[in-house]
């Protein structure tokens, strides 16, 4: 997928520079600790696109330089290769604030709140903002503590560096001075040749701890002339994908993000290269196992793809149907709905067979041939969550 996170280190370097602020921090790669001031007190954290680092014990506060080596070893032993060291800054949690830029279908939005940090989720009513085109930046500057010039600089760097998300949470204002405490940036990784502020070396992914389902798909891919991939994004997600074809799978995943449902996306991956019925059955079974484990209250599945050149729609759908029939009782019990958008060799027979099967099992959401566009099919899918 083109949407990727860059390191907190690089994010802070970029944002502090454009805001006219100084940033002090050191990257740690593969356990190699750079030279830091002796006698100082520091923060050590995992810098690898990992959420809820405090809850998972991946941040150490108030850490003396003499203890740095031992704590770096603890984190690297857990499988983390990218860490960040910063001077420890004491501040009042009540003063934490939030601001973000997000690229959406309608345009770039700017949101802000006086209640930032870990409190942002429980203070959603306090979040203000909207489309940048509709906002008065002078008013936003007054309410956020940023200057109008700084806000314009953030918007400019957001666009020029192909960012899809820029979140500063939290930041504080102390004695009239702006201090950036945490920054998260997502970029379009396909734009690497067009930007100057980040490179492929700045991209970050969580440490790879594969699920049983991901391991099974890797084994299937290694043993088959066809292609299979599966990545768990959110184990408790609500939107599950059974996609065919790399290009179409990227388009569909991006469409879900553009409709504002990226956080509900449970998995990403695809099957292609005309897999057999049995192979498709094995792949589908792994996706359905993930779905049944999810704690989401409502769940939908998109069986999708573009118009195939070689993949036999009837044969692959036969494998999918077999798995759904095996799990039909549990799928009905959980209220799962299936949406299908597919085309290619023997599409009429395949779509007819899966329509009948979904109706008989009582898990029908919608079945569409290529006359229905991918965005229209995805729109129907997300409506199924309401």
Protein backbone atom coordinates (compact mmCIF):
# COMPACT_ATOMS: atom_id res chain seq x y z
CA UNK A 1 0.00 0.00 0.00
CA UNK A 2 1.30 3.50 -0.75
CA UNK A 3 0.31 4.93 2.67
CA UNK A 4 3.28 4.40 4.98
CA UNK A 5 4.47 5.90 8.25
CA UNK A 6 7.84 7.59 8.52
CA UNK A 7 9.92 7.57 11.70
CA UNK A 8 9.09 9.84 14.60
CA UNK A 9 12.68 11.10 14.40
CA UNK A 10 12.32 12.19 10.77
CA UNK A 11 8.82 13.55 11.41
CA UNK A 12 10.06 15.75 14.24
CA UNK A 13 13.07 16.94 12.22
CA UNK A 14 10.74 18.03 9.42
CA UNK A 15 8.07 19.67 11.55
CA UNK A 16 10.38 21.48 13.97
CA UNK A 17 12.38 22.89 11.05
CA UNK A 18 9.35 24.28 9.19
CA UNK A 19 8.03 25.76 12.45
CA UNK A 20 11.33 27.46 13.14
CA UNK A 21 12.05 25.35 16.25
CA UNK A 22 15.11 23.39 17.37
CA UNK A 23 14.94 19.61 17.72
CA UNK A 24 17.31 17.38 19.67
CA UNK A 25 17.10 13.62 19.27
CA UNK A 26 19.19 10.58 18.32
CA UNK A 27 18.26 7.54 16.25
CA UNK A 28 19.26 4.06 17.40
CA UNK A 29 19.57 1.41 14.67
CA UNK A 30 20.13 -2.28 15.42
CA UNK A 31 21.14 -1.49 19.02
CA UNK A 32 23.99 0.89 18.07
CA UNK A 33 23.76 3.81 20.52
CA UNK A 34 25.01 7.18 19.23
CA UNK A 35 27.01 9.54 21.41
CA UNK A 36 24.69 11.33 23.84
CA UNK A 37 25.54 13.90 26.52
CA UNK A 38 26.87 12.15 29.66
CA UNK A 39 24.99 12.76 32.87
CA UNK A 40 21.76 13.64 31.08
CA UNK A 41 18.21 12.35 31.64
CA UNK A 42 16.46 10.95 28.59
CA UNK A 43 13.41 9.32 27.03
CA UNK A 44 13.94 6.07 25.13
CA UNK A 45 11.16 4.80 22.88
CA UNK A 46 10.49 2.35 20.05
CA UNK A 47 10.30 4.26 16.74
CA UNK A 48 8.71 1.63 14.55
CA UNK A 49 5.11 2.66 13.76
CA UNK A 50 3.85 0.95 16.93
CA UNK A 51 0.68 2.19 18.62
CA UNK A 52 0.04 2.33 22.39
CA UNK A 53 3.74 2.28 23.25
CA UNK A 54 3.15 3.34 26.87
CA UNK A 55 0.68 0.51 27.49
CA UNK A 56 3.02 -2.00 25.87
CA UNK A 57 6.06 -0.93 27.89
CA UNK A 58 7.94 0.40 24.86
CA UNK A 59 8.78 3.83 26.29
CA UNK A 60 11.17 4.56 29.18
CA UNK A 61 10.97 7.97 30.84
CA UNK A 62 13.44 9.75 33.13
CA UNK A 63 16.23 7.43 32.04
CA UNK A 64 19.82 8.30 33.08
CA UNK A 65 22.45 8.00 30.36
CA UNK A 66 24.22 5.35 32.46
CA UNK A 67 21.18 3.05 32.10
CA UNK A 68 20.71 3.59 28.36
CA UNK A 69 22.60 0.54 27.11
CA UNK A 70 20.65 -1.92 29.29
CA UNK A 71 17.26 -0.53 28.23
CA UNK A 72 18.20 -0.44 24.54
CA UNK A 73 19.07 -4.14 24.86
CA UNK A 74 15.66 -4.88 26.42
CA UNK A 75 13.85 -3.33 23.43
CA UNK A 76 16.09 -4.86 20.76
CA UNK A 77 15.65 -8.28 22.39
CA UNK A 78 11.90 -7.85 21.83
CA UNK A 79 12.56 -7.58 18.09
CA UNK A 80 12.63 -3.79 17.63
CA UNK A 81 15.43 -2.41 15.47
CA UNK A 82 14.53 1.31 15.34
CA UNK A 83 14.60 3.34 18.57
CA UNK A 84 14.66 7.04 19.47
CA UNK A 85 16.44 8.86 22.30
CA UNK A 86 15.41 12.39 23.33
CA UNK A 87 16.09 14.67 26.31
CA UNK A 88 13.43 14.16 28.99
CA UNK A 89 11.04 17.11 29.09
CA UNK A 90 8.80 17.49 32.15
CA UNK A 91 5.44 19.17 31.46
CA UNK A 92 1.89 19.36 32.79
CA UNK A 93 -0.41 16.80 31.13
CA UNK A 94 -3.31 19.26 31.45
CA UNK A 95 -1.53 21.58 29.01
CA UNK A 96 -1.28 19.02 26.20
CA UNK A 97 -2.87 20.04 22.90
CA UNK A 98 -3.64 18.41 19.54
CA UNK A 99 -3.55 19.46 15.87
CA UNK A 100 -3.75 17.41 12.67
CA UNK A 101 -3.92 17.61 8.89
CA UNK A 102 -5.60 14.79 6.97
CA UNK A 103 -6.01 14.30 3.23
CA UNK A 104 -9.58 13.26 2.48
CA UNK A 105 -11.76 12.97 -0.62
CA UNK A 106 -13.20 16.48 -0.17
CA UNK A 107 -9.77 18.04 0.43
CA UNK A 108 -7.31 18.57 3.28
CA UNK A 109 -8.87 18.98 6.71
CA UNK A 110 -7.35 20.67 9.77
CA UNK A 111 -8.52 19.76 13.27
CA UNK A 112 -7.34 20.91 16.68
CA UNK A 113 -8.16 20.63 20.37
CA UNK A 114 -7.00 22.01 23.72
CA UNK A 115 -7.25 18.46 25.12
CA UNK A 116 -4.46 16.43 23.51
CA UNK A 117 -2.28 13.46 24.36
CA UNK A 118 -3.94 10.29 25.58
CA UNK A 119 -7.07 12.32 26.43
CA UNK A 120 -7.88 13.07 22.80
CA UNK A 121 -10.06 9.97 22.37
CA UNK A 122 -12.21 10.83 25.39
CA UNK A 123 -12.55 14.49 24.37
CA UNK A 124 -13.72 14.15 20.78
CA UNK A 125 -16.43 16.75 21.35
CA UNK A 126 -13.70 19.31 21.92
CA UNK A 127 -12.11 18.82 18.51
CA UNK A 128 -12.70 21.76 16.15
CA UNK A 129 -11.86 22.41 12.50
CA UNK A 130 -12.85 21.29 9.03
CA UNK A 131 -11.73 21.75 5.44
CA UNK A 132 -8.82 24.19 5.24
CA UNK A 133 -10.58 26.06 2.45
CA UNK A 134 -13.42 26.87 4.88
CA UNK A 135 -11.26 27.93 7.85
CA UNK A 136 -10.00 31.33 8.96
CA UNK A 137 -6.32 30.61 9.70
CA UNK A 138 -5.98 33.75 11.82
CA UNK A 139 -8.73 32.44 14.10
CA UNK A 140 -7.17 28.96 14.16
CA UNK A 141 -3.81 30.52 15.07
CA UNK A 142 -5.39 32.33 18.03
CA UNK A 143 -7.01 29.12 19.30
CA UNK A 144 -4.05 26.77 18.76
CA UNK A 145 -1.04 28.87 19.78
CA UNK A 146 0.56 28.46 16.35
CA UNK A 147 1.18 31.60 14.31
CA UNK A 148 -0.59 32.03 10.97
CA UNK A 149 2.82 31.70 9.30
CA UNK A 150 3.47 28.40 11.11
CA UNK A 151 0.07 27.02 10.08
CA UNK A 152 0.75 27.96 6.46
CA UNK A 153 4.16 26.26 6.71
CA UNK A 154 2.53 23.06 8.01
CA UNK A 155 0.01 23.05 5.16
CA UNK A 156 2.75 23.70 2.61
CA UNK A 157 5.01 20.88 3.84
CA UNK A 158 1.98 18.56 4.07
CA UNK A 159 1.25 19.07 0.37
CA UNK A 160 4.79 19.34 -1.00
CA UNK A 161 5.94 16.13 0.72
CA UNK A 162 2.88 14.06 -0.30
CA UNK A 163 1.62 13.49 3.22
CA UNK A 164 -1.75 11.86 3.88
CA UNK A 165 -1.64 12.41 7.67
CA UNK A 166 0.21 14.87 9.88
CA UNK A 167 -0.67 14.61 13.56
CA UNK A 168 1.03 16.61 16.31
CA UNK A 169 -0.20 15.07 19.54
CA UNK A 170 0.65 16.33 22.01
CA UNK A 171 2.25 19.72 21.86
CA UNK A 172 2.41 22.26 24.68
CA UNK A 173 2.85 26.01 24.97
CA UNK A 174 5.06 27.04 27.87
CA UNK A 175 5.94 30.68 28.56
CA UNK A 176 4.61 31.51 25.12
CA UNK A 177 6.92 28.94 23.52
CA UNK A 178 5.71 26.08 21.33
CA UNK A 179 7.12 22.62 22.15
CA UNK A 180 6.41 19.60 19.93
CA UNK A 181 6.26 16.40 21.98
CA UNK A 182 5.03 13.81 19.49
CA UNK A 183 4.48 13.74 15.73
CA UNK A 184 3.04 11.08 13.42
CA UNK A 185 3.29 11.39 9.64
CA UNK A 186 1.94 9.10 6.93
CA UNK A 187 3.12 9.65 3.36
CA UNK A 188 2.48 8.29 -0.12
CA UNK A 189 5.53 6.05 -0.51
CA UNK A 190 5.16 6.10 -4.32
CA UNK A 191 6.22 9.79 -4.25
CA UNK A 192 9.78 9.14 -3.02
CA UNK A 193 11.39 10.53 -6.19
CA UNK A 194 9.34 13.73 -5.92
CA UNK A 195 10.22 14.78 -2.36
CA UNK A 196 13.22 16.18 -0.51
CA UNK A 197 12.36 15.72 3.19
CA UNK A 198 12.13 11.92 3.49
CA UNK A 199 13.46 8.79 1.79
CA UNK A 200 12.71 5.08 1.82
CA UNK A 201 15.12 4.75 4.78
CA UNK A 202 12.68 6.77 6.90
CA UNK A 203 9.74 4.40 6.35
CA UNK A 204 8.77 2.36 9.38
CA UNK A 205 6.76 -0.81 9.95
CA UNK A 206 5.98 -2.64 13.21
CA UNK A 207 8.18 -5.58 14.14
CA UNK A 208 6.97 -8.57 12.20
CA UNK A 209 5.21 -10.95 14.58
CA UNK A 210 3.11 -12.98 12.16
CA UNK A 211 -0.26 -14.50 12.99
CA UNK A 212 -0.92 -18.18 12.30
CA UNK A 213 -3.04 -17.09 9.34
CA UNK A 214 -0.26 -14.97 7.84
CA UNK A 215 2.18 -17.85 8.28
CA UNK A 216 -0.23 -20.23 6.52
CA UNK A 217 -0.56 -17.85 3.56
CA UNK A 218 3.22 -17.41 3.32
CA UNK A 219 3.55 -21.21 3.14
CA UNK A 220 0.83 -21.39 0.50
CA UNK A 221 2.54 -18.68 -1.56
CA UNK A 222 5.90 -20.47 -1.39
CA UNK A 223 4.41 -23.76 -2.58
CA UNK A 224 2.19 -22.44 -5.40
CA UNK A 225 2.85 -21.00 -8.87
CA UNK A 226 0.01 -18.57 -8.09
CA UNK A 227 0.48 -15.55 -5.83
CA UNK A 228 -0.92 -15.08 -2.31
CA UNK A 229 -0.33 -12.39 0.32
CA UNK A 230 -1.99 -11.51 3.62
CA UNK A 231 -1.21 -8.78 6.13
CA UNK A 232 -3.16 -8.21 9.34
CA UNK A 233 -3.66 -4.47 9.88
CA UNK A 234 -6.19 -4.45 12.72
CA UNK A 235 -7.07 -7.81 14.35
CA UNK A 236 -10.34 -6.31 15.64
CA UNK A 237 -11.20 -4.53 12.41
CA UNK A 238 -14.64 -4.52 10.82
CA UNK A 239 -13.78 -4.56 7.09
CA UNK A 240 -12.18 -7.71 5.69
CA UNK A 241 -10.82 -8.06 2.16
CA UNK A 242 -10.73 -11.09 -0.13
CA UNK A 243 -9.15 -9.43 -3.13
CA UNK A 244 -7.70 -10.62 -6.40
CA UNK A 245 -5.05 -8.71 -8.34
CA UNK A 246 -2.40 -6.39 -6.93
CA UNK A 247 -3.49 -3.24 -8.75
CA UNK A 248 -7.17 -3.56 -7.88
CA UNK A 249 -6.38 -4.45 -4.27
CA UNK A 250 -4.43 -1.20 -3.82
CA UNK A 251 -7.27 0.81 -5.40
CA UNK A 252 -9.89 -0.84 -3.17
CA UNK A 253 -7.86 -0.37 0.03
CA UNK A 254 -7.20 3.28 -0.85
CA UNK A 255 -10.90 3.80 -1.58
CA UNK A 256 -11.76 2.52 1.89
CA UNK A 257 -9.25 4.96 3.40
CA UNK A 258 -10.57 7.85 1.31
CA UNK A 259 -14.08 7.15 2.60
CA UNK A 260 -12.80 7.58 6.14
CA UNK A 261 -12.87 3.91 7.18
CA UNK A 262 -9.13 3.16 7.20
CA UNK A 263 -9.05 2.43 10.93
CA UNK A 264 -11.71 -0.27 10.44
CA UNK A 265 -9.69 -2.11 7.77
CA UNK A 266 -8.70 -5.47 9.24
CA UNK A 267 -6.44 -6.94 6.57
CA UNK A 268 -4.73 -6.36 3.26
CA UNK A 269 -3.53 -8.82 0.63
CA UNK A 270 -4.50 -10.54 -2.58
CA UNK A 271 -4.58 -13.74 -4.58
CA UNK A 272 -3.76 -13.82 -8.29
CA UNK A 273 -2.18 -15.90 -11.03
CA UNK A 274 -5.17 -18.24 -11.57
CA UNK A 275 -4.99 -20.23 -8.31
CA UNK A 276 -6.79 -23.55 -8.11
CA UNK A 277 -10.05 -24.08 -6.27
CA UNK A 278 -8.20 -25.83 -3.43
CA UNK A 279 -5.64 -23.02 -3.12
CA UNK A 280 -8.34 -20.37 -3.07
CA UNK A 281 -10.12 -22.39 -0.39
CA UNK A 282 -6.99 -22.45 1.80
CA UNK A 283 -6.47 -18.70 1.37
CA UNK A 284 -10.12 -17.85 2.06
CA UNK A 285 -10.13 -20.01 5.17
CA UNK A 286 -7.31 -17.93 6.68
CA UNK A 287 -9.16 -14.65 6.07
CA UNK A 288 -12.39 -16.03 7.54
CA UNK A 289 -10.53 -17.31 10.62
CA UNK A 290 -9.24 -13.78 11.19
CA UNK A 291 -12.74 -12.38 10.73
CA UNK A 292 -14.31 -14.73 13.25
CA UNK A 293 -11.68 -13.77 15.85
CA UNK A 294 -12.32 -10.03 15.45
CA UNK A 295 -14.14 -8.31 18.33
CA UNK A 296 -15.78 -5.76 16.03
CA UNK A 297 -19.54 -5.50 16.60
CA UNK A 298 -20.33 -5.34 12.87
CA UNK A 299 -18.30 -6.99 10.13
CA UNK A 300 -18.37 -6.89 6.33
CA UNK A 301 -16.30 -8.65 3.68
CA UNK A 302 -15.47 -7.51 0.15
CA UNK A 303 -14.73 -10.27 -2.34
CA UNK A 304 -13.32 -7.98 -4.99
CA UNK A 305 -11.05 -7.32 -7.88
CA UNK A 306 -10.85 -5.88 -11.36
CA UNK A 307 -11.60 -7.82 -14.55
CA UNK A 308 -9.25 -10.82 -14.58
CA UNK A 309 -7.33 -11.86 -17.67
CA UNK A 310 -6.59 -15.45 -16.65
CA UNK A 311 -8.01 -16.20 -13.20
CA UNK A 312 -11.07 -18.46 -13.53
CA UNK A 313 -13.86 -16.73 -11.59
CA UNK A 314 -16.03 -19.84 -11.33
CA UNK A 315 -13.20 -22.01 -9.95
CA UNK A 316 -11.95 -19.48 -7.41
CA UNK A 317 -15.49 -18.68 -6.24
CA UNK A 318 -16.06 -22.40 -5.78
CA UNK A 319 -13.23 -22.42 -3.22
CA UNK A 320 -14.59 -19.31 -1.49
CA UNK A 321 -18.11 -20.75 -1.31
CA UNK A 322 -16.81 -23.98 0.22
CA UNK A 323 -15.22 -22.07 3.11
CA UNK A 324 -18.29 -19.89 3.68
CA UNK A 325 -20.52 -22.95 3.86
CA UNK A 326 -18.18 -24.50 6.43
CA UNK A 327 -18.43 -21.41 8.65
CA UNK A 328 -21.98 -20.36 7.71
CA UNK A 329 -23.52 -20.83 11.18
CA UNK A 330 -20.93 -18.63 12.87
CA UNK A 331 -21.04 -16.06 10.07
CA UNK A 332 -24.80 -15.73 10.46
CA UNK A 333 -24.48 -15.59 14.23
CA UNK A 334 -22.04 -12.68 13.96
CA UNK A 335 -24.21 -10.92 11.38
CA UNK A 336 -21.45 -10.78 8.74
CA UNK A 337 -22.41 -9.49 5.30
CA UNK A 338 -20.54 -10.27 2.08
CA UNK A 339 -20.19 -7.94 -0.90
CA UNK A 340 -18.80 -9.13 -4.24
CA UNK A 341 -17.43 -7.13 -7.19
CA UNK A 342 -15.55 -9.20 -9.77
CA UNK A 343 -15.15 -9.93 -13.47
CA UNK A 344 -13.17 -12.15 -15.79
CA UNK A 345 -13.28 -15.63 -17.36
CA UNK A 346 -16.58 -17.43 -16.53
CA UNK A 347 -17.74 -14.45 -14.47
CA UNK A 348 -21.45 -15.05 -15.20
CA UNK A 349 -21.29 -18.59 -13.82
CA UNK A 350 -19.16 -17.57 -10.85
CA UNK A 351 -21.31 -14.57 -9.87
CA UNK A 352 -24.48 -16.64 -10.21
CA UNK A 353 -23.04 -19.39 -7.99
CA UNK A 354 -21.86 -17.03 -5.23
CA UNK A 355 -25.13 -15.05 -5.31
CA UNK A 356 -27.13 -18.22 -4.77
CA UNK A 357 -24.76 -19.42 -2.02
CA UNK A 358 -24.83 -16.12 -0.10
CA UNK A 359 -28.62 -15.94 -0.29
CA UNK A 360 -29.01 -19.54 0.89
CA UNK A 361 -26.66 -18.90 3.83
CA UNK A 362 -28.37 -15.63 4.75
CA UNK A 363 -25.16 -13.57 4.57
CA UNK A 364 -25.84 -11.65 1.36
CA UNK A 365 -24.77 -8.03 1.17
CA UNK A 366 -24.52 -7.40 -2.57
CA UNK A 367 -23.08 -8.97 -5.73
CA UNK A 368 -21.90 -6.83 -8.64
CA UNK A 369 -20.31 -7.43 -12.03
CA UNK A 370 -17.81 -4.98 -13.64
CA UNK A 371 -20.65 -2.68 -14.75
CA UNK A 372 -20.57 -1.48 -11.11
CA UNK A 373 -17.47 0.62 -10.42
CA UNK A 374 -15.06 -0.20 -7.59
CA UNK A 375 -15.94 3.03 -5.70
CA UNK A 376 -19.65 2.19 -5.93
CA UNK A 377 -19.06 -1.33 -4.62
CA UNK A 378 -16.94 -0.01 -1.73
CA UNK A 379 -19.65 2.54 -0.93
CA UNK A 380 -22.18 -0.28 -0.59
CA UNK A 381 -19.71 -2.18 1.61
CA UNK A 382 -19.22 0.64 4.13
CA UNK A 383 -22.98 1.25 4.23
CA UNK A 384 -23.26 -2.31 5.48
CA UNK A 385 -21.49 -1.24 8.67
CA UNK A 386 -24.26 1.20 9.61
